[in-house]
């Protein structure tokens, strides 16, 4: 399951948007997460906003 994360950079005032997906790491036996780079999310949001 994926979720959307907003991260504010306090130095620049820019808010970045990430898609985070959780998965189970079998080797370390604990949950981990992967984040999709904001460029890909930004492209998706631009396309989505056009509809």
PDB file of N, CA and C in Angstrom:
ATOM      1  N   UNK A   1       0.845  -1.177   0.000  1.00  0.00           N
ATOM      2  CA  UNK A   1       0.000   0.000   0.000  1.00  0.00           C
ATOM      3  C   UNK A   1       0.891   1.242   0.000  1.00  0.00           C
ATOM      4  N   UNK A   2       0.553   2.188  -0.841  1.00  0.00           N
ATOM      5  CA  UNK A   2       1.346   3.417  -0.960  1.00  0.00           C
ATOM      6  C   UNK A   2       0.623   4.581  -0.296  1.00  0.00           C
ATOM      7  N   UNK A   3       1.420   5.524   0.167  1.00  0.00           N
ATOM      8  CA  UNK A   3       0.843   6.734   0.756  1.00  0.00           C
ATOM      9  C   UNK A   3       1.612   7.948   0.246  1.00  0.00           C
ATOM     10  N   UNK A   4       0.970   9.109   0.315  1.00  0.00           N
ATOM     11  CA  UNK A   4       1.572  10.358  -0.129  1.00  0.00           C
ATOM     12  C   UNK A   4       2.139  11.086   1.090  1.00  0.00           C
ATOM     13  N   UNK A   5       3.383  11.537   0.973  1.00  0.00           N
ATOM     14  CA  UNK A   5       4.058  12.245   2.060  1.00  0.00           C
ATOM     15  C   UNK A   5       4.448  13.632   1.574  1.00  0.00           C
ATOM     16  N   UNK A   6       4.145  14.647   2.370  1.00  0.00           N
ATOM     17  CA  UNK A   6       4.574  16.015   2.076  1.00  0.00           C
ATOM     18  C   UNK A   6       5.690  16.370   3.051  1.00  0.00           C
ATOM     19  N   UNK A   7       6.801  16.882   2.516  1.00  0.00           N
ATOM     20  CA  UNK A   7       7.969  17.228   3.328  1.00  0.00           C
ATOM     21  C   UNK A   7       8.334  18.681   3.071  1.00  0.00           C
ATOM     22  N   UNK A   8       8.315  19.505   4.122  1.00  0.00           N
ATOM     23  CA  UNK A   8       8.661  20.919   4.005  1.00  0.00           C
ATOM     24  C   UNK A   8      10.144  21.113   4.293  1.00  0.00           C
ATOM     25  N   UNK A   9      10.857  21.729   3.349  1.00  0.00           N
ATOM     26  CA  UNK A   9      12.245  22.118   3.553  1.00  0.00           C
ATOM     27  C   UNK A   9      12.218  23.508   4.173  1.00  0.00           C
ATOM     28  N   UNK A  10      12.559  23.606   5.446  1.00  0.00           N
ATOM     29  CA  UNK A  10      12.448  24.868   6.176  1.00  0.00           C
ATOM     30  C   UNK A  10      13.426  25.927   5.671  1.00  0.00           C
ATOM     31  N   UNK A  11      14.562  25.512   5.122  1.00  0.00           N
ATOM     32  CA  UNK A  11      15.553  26.481   4.633  1.00  0.00           C
ATOM     33  C   UNK A  11      15.083  27.179   3.366  1.00  0.00           C
ATOM     34  N   UNK A  12      14.436  26.436   2.463  1.00  0.00           N
ATOM     35  CA  UNK A  12      14.012  27.022   1.196  1.00  0.00           C
ATOM     36  C   UNK A  12      12.529  27.364   1.169  1.00  0.00           C
ATOM     37  N   UNK A  13      11.740  26.765   2.078  1.00  0.00           N
ATOM     38  CA  UNK A  13      10.300  26.999   2.090  1.00  0.00           C
ATOM     39  C   UNK A  13       9.558  26.200   1.044  1.00  0.00           C
ATOM     40  N   UNK A  14      10.247  25.265   0.381  1.00  0.00           N
ATOM     41  CA  UNK A  14       9.630  24.446  -0.666  1.00  0.00           C
ATOM     42  C   UNK A  14       9.090  23.165  -0.044  1.00  0.00           C
ATOM     43  N   UNK A  15       7.866  22.794  -0.430  1.00  0.00           N
ATOM     44  CA  UNK A  15       7.274  21.545   0.027  1.00  0.00           C
ATOM     45  C   UNK A  15       7.433  20.505  -1.078  1.00  0.00           C
ATOM     46  N   UNK A  16       8.032  19.381  -0.738  1.00  0.00           N
ATOM     47  CA  UNK A  16       8.220  18.291  -1.680  1.00  0.00           C
ATOM     48  C   UNK A  16       7.179  17.219  -1.419  1.00  0.00           C
ATOM     49  N   UNK A  17       6.755  16.538  -2.482  1.00  0.00           N
ATOM     50  CA  UNK A  17       5.754  15.483  -2.371  1.00  0.00           C
ATOM     51  C   UNK A  17       6.403  14.168  -2.786  1.00  0.00           C
ATOM     52  N   UNK A  18       6.239  13.153  -1.955  1.00  0.00           N
ATOM     53  CA  UNK A  18       6.784  11.827  -2.216  1.00  0.00           C
ATOM     54  C   UNK A  18       5.678  10.793  -2.139  1.00  0.00           C
ATOM     55  N   UNK A  19       5.858   9.687  -2.845  1.00  0.00           N
ATOM     56  CA  UNK A  19       5.000   8.529  -2.661  1.00  0.00           C
ATOM     57  C   UNK A  19       5.835   7.499  -1.922  1.00  0.00           C
ATOM     58  N   UNK A  20       5.348   7.034  -0.797  1.00  0.00           N
ATOM     59  CA  UNK A  20       6.067   6.077   0.030  1.00  0.00           C
ATOM     60  C   UNK A  20       5.352   4.729  -0.005  1.00  0.00           C
ATOM     61  N   UNK A  21       6.128   3.671  -0.213  1.00  0.00           N
ATOM     62  CA  UNK A  21       5.558   2.325  -0.232  1.00  0.00           C
ATOM     63  C   UNK A  21       6.304   1.472   0.788  1.00  0.00           C
ATOM     64  N   UNK A  22       5.558   0.835   1.665  1.00  0.00           N
ATOM     65  CA  UNK A  22       6.149  -0.009   2.708  1.00  0.00           C
ATOM     66  C   UNK A  22       6.289  -1.445   2.225  1.00  0.00           C
ATOM     67  N   UNK A  23       7.336  -2.115   2.711  1.00  0.00           N
ATOM     68  CA  UNK A  23       7.538  -3.527   2.393  1.00  0.00           C
ATOM     69  C   UNK A  23       8.273  -4.190   3.549  1.00  0.00           C
ATOM     70  N   UNK A  24       8.264  -5.515   3.574  1.00  0.00           N
ATOM     71  CA  UNK A  24       8.913  -6.276   4.620  1.00  0.00           C
ATOM     72  C   UNK A  24      10.295  -6.708   4.146  1.00  0.00           C
ATOM     73  N   UNK A  25      11.340  -6.358   4.899  1.00  0.00           N
ATOM     74  CA  UNK A  25      12.708  -6.752   4.590  1.00  0.00           C
ATOM     75  C   UNK A  25      12.952  -8.115   5.230  1.00  0.00           C
ATOM     76  N   UNK A  26      13.022  -9.162   4.398  1.00  0.00           N
ATOM     77  CA  UNK A  26      13.174 -10.523   4.918  1.00  0.00           C
ATOM     78  C   UNK A  26      14.526 -10.734   5.590  1.00  0.00           C
ATOM     79  N   UNK A  27      15.558 -10.077   5.075  1.00  0.00           N
ATOM     80  CA  UNK A  27      16.896 -10.244   5.618  1.00  0.00           C
ATOM     81  C   UNK A  27      17.019  -9.655   7.029  1.00  0.00           C
ATOM     82  N   UNK A  28      16.523  -8.444   7.211  1.00  0.00           N
ATOM     83  CA  UNK A  28      16.622  -7.775   8.508  1.00  0.00           C
ATOM     84  C   UNK A  28      15.407  -8.025   9.396  1.00  0.00           C
ATOM     85  N   UNK A  29      14.382  -8.635   8.818  1.00  0.00           N
ATOM     86  CA  UNK A  29      13.151  -8.984   9.534  1.00  0.00           C
ATOM     87  C   UNK A  29      12.501  -7.772  10.204  1.00  0.00           C
ATOM     88  N   UNK A  30      12.348  -6.709   9.404  1.00  0.00           N
ATOM     89  CA  UNK A  30      11.672  -5.510   9.886  1.00  0.00           C
ATOM     90  C   UNK A  30      11.090  -4.738   8.698  1.00  0.00           C
ATOM     91  N   UNK A  31      10.098  -3.907   8.957  1.00  0.00           N
ATOM     92  CA  UNK A  31       9.499  -3.144   7.855  1.00  0.00           C
ATOM     93  C   UNK A  31      10.441  -2.046   7.351  1.00  0.00           C
ATOM     94  N   UNK A  32      10.365  -1.793   6.067  1.00  0.00           N
ATOM     95  CA  UNK A  32      11.143  -0.739   5.409  1.00  0.00           C
ATOM     96  C   UNK A  32      10.198   0.039   4.505  1.00  0.00           C
ATOM     97  N   UNK A  33      10.669   1.153   3.989  1.00  0.00           N
ATOM     98  CA  UNK A  33       9.859   1.907   3.044  1.00  0.00           C
ATOM     99  C   UNK A  33      10.720   2.422   1.906  1.00  0.00           C
ATOM    100  N   UNK A  34      10.094   2.563   0.744  1.00  0.00           N
ATOM    101  CA  UNK A  34      10.739   3.120  -0.439  1.00  0.00           C
ATOM    102  C   UNK A  34      10.005   4.399  -0.786  1.00  0.00           C
ATOM    103  N   UNK A  35      10.739   5.412  -1.215  1.00  0.00           N
ATOM    104  CA  UNK A  35      10.120   6.667  -1.638  1.00  0.00           C
ATOM    105  C   UNK A  35      10.374   6.897  -3.114  1.00  0.00           C
ATOM    106  N   UNK A  36       9.298   7.205  -3.839  1.00  0.00           N
ATOM    107  CA  UNK A  36       9.423   7.549  -5.246  1.00  0.00           C
ATOM    108  C   UNK A  36       9.875   9.000  -5.319  1.00  0.00           C
ATOM    109  N   UNK A  37      10.851   9.313  -6.159  1.00  0.00           N
ATOM    110  CA  UNK A  37      11.348  10.693  -6.270  1.00  0.00           C
ATOM    111  C   UNK A  37      10.237  11.674  -6.608  1.00  0.00           C
ATOM    112  N   UNK A  38      10.374  12.893  -6.101  1.00  0.00           N
ATOM    113  CA  UNK A  38       9.336  13.895  -6.275  1.00  0.00           C
ATOM    114  C   UNK A  38       9.130  14.303  -7.727  1.00  0.00           C
ATOM    115  N   UNK A  39      10.141  14.140  -8.608  1.00  0.00           N
ATOM    116  CA  UNK A  39       9.972  14.504 -10.013  1.00  0.00           C
ATOM    117  C   UNK A  39       8.865  13.665 -10.639  1.00  0.00           C
ATOM    118  N   UNK A  40       8.874  12.381 -10.350  1.00  0.00           N
ATOM    119  CA  UNK A  40       7.858  11.502 -10.916  1.00  0.00           C
ATOM    120  C   UNK A  40       6.483  11.841 -10.364  1.00  0.00           C
ATOM    121  N   UNK A  41       6.414  12.137  -9.095  1.00  0.00           N
ATOM    122  CA  UNK A  41       5.145  12.517  -8.474  1.00  0.00           C
ATOM    123  C   UNK A  41       4.661  13.840  -9.062  1.00  0.00           C
ATOM    124  N   UNK A  42       5.575  14.793  -9.243  1.00  0.00           N
ATOM    125  CA  UNK A  42       5.193  16.096  -9.781  1.00  0.00           C
ATOM    126  C   UNK A  42       4.608  15.936 -11.180  1.00  0.00           C
ATOM    127  N   UNK A  43       5.203  15.083 -12.018  1.00  0.00           N
ATOM    128  CA  UNK A  43       4.672  14.832 -13.347  1.00  0.00           C
ATOM    129  C   UNK A  43       3.275  14.237 -13.253  1.00  0.00           C
ATOM    130  N   UNK A  44       3.088  13.311 -12.332  1.00  0.00           N
ATOM    131  CA  UNK A  44       1.785  12.679 -12.140  1.00  0.00           C
ATOM    132  C   UNK A  44       0.747  13.719 -11.697  1.00  0.00           C
ATOM    133  N   UNK A  45       1.113  14.596 -10.771  1.00  0.00           N
ATOM    134  CA  UNK A  45       0.182  15.598 -10.272  1.00  0.00           C
ATOM    135  C   UNK A  45      -0.188  16.596 -11.365  1.00  0.00           C
ATOM    136  N   UNK A  46       0.756  16.951 -12.235  1.00  0.00           N
ATOM    137  CA  UNK A  46       0.476  17.873 -13.323  1.00  0.00           C
ATOM    138  C   UNK A  46      -0.522  17.244 -14.274  1.00  0.00           C
ATOM    139  N   UNK A  47      -0.300  15.984 -14.626  1.00  0.00           N
ATOM    140  CA  UNK A  47      -1.226  15.278 -15.526  1.00  0.00           C
ATOM    141  C   UNK A  47      -2.592  15.139 -14.856  1.00  0.00           C
ATOM    142  N   UNK A  48      -2.599  14.795 -13.579  1.00  0.00           N
ATOM    143  CA  UNK A  48      -3.848  14.620 -12.844  1.00  0.00           C
ATOM    144  C   UNK A  48      -4.610  15.934 -12.737  1.00  0.00           C
ATOM    145  N   UNK A  49      -3.910  17.034 -12.539  1.00  0.00           N
ATOM    146  CA  UNK A  49      -4.550  18.342 -12.382  1.00  0.00           C
ATOM    147  C   UNK A  49      -5.178  18.831 -13.680  1.00  0.00           C
ATOM    148  N   UNK A  50      -4.691  18.351 -14.829  1.00  0.00           N
ATOM    149  CA  UNK A  50      -5.231  18.775 -16.110  1.00  0.00           C
ATOM    150  C   UNK A  50      -6.622  18.228 -16.357  1.00  0.00           C
ATOM    151  N   UNK A  51      -7.012  17.157 -15.668  1.00  0.00           N
ATOM    152  CA  UNK A  51      -8.340  16.572 -15.876  1.00  0.00           C
ATOM    153  C   UNK A  51      -9.365  17.352 -15.199  1.00  0.00           C
TER     154      UNK A  51
END
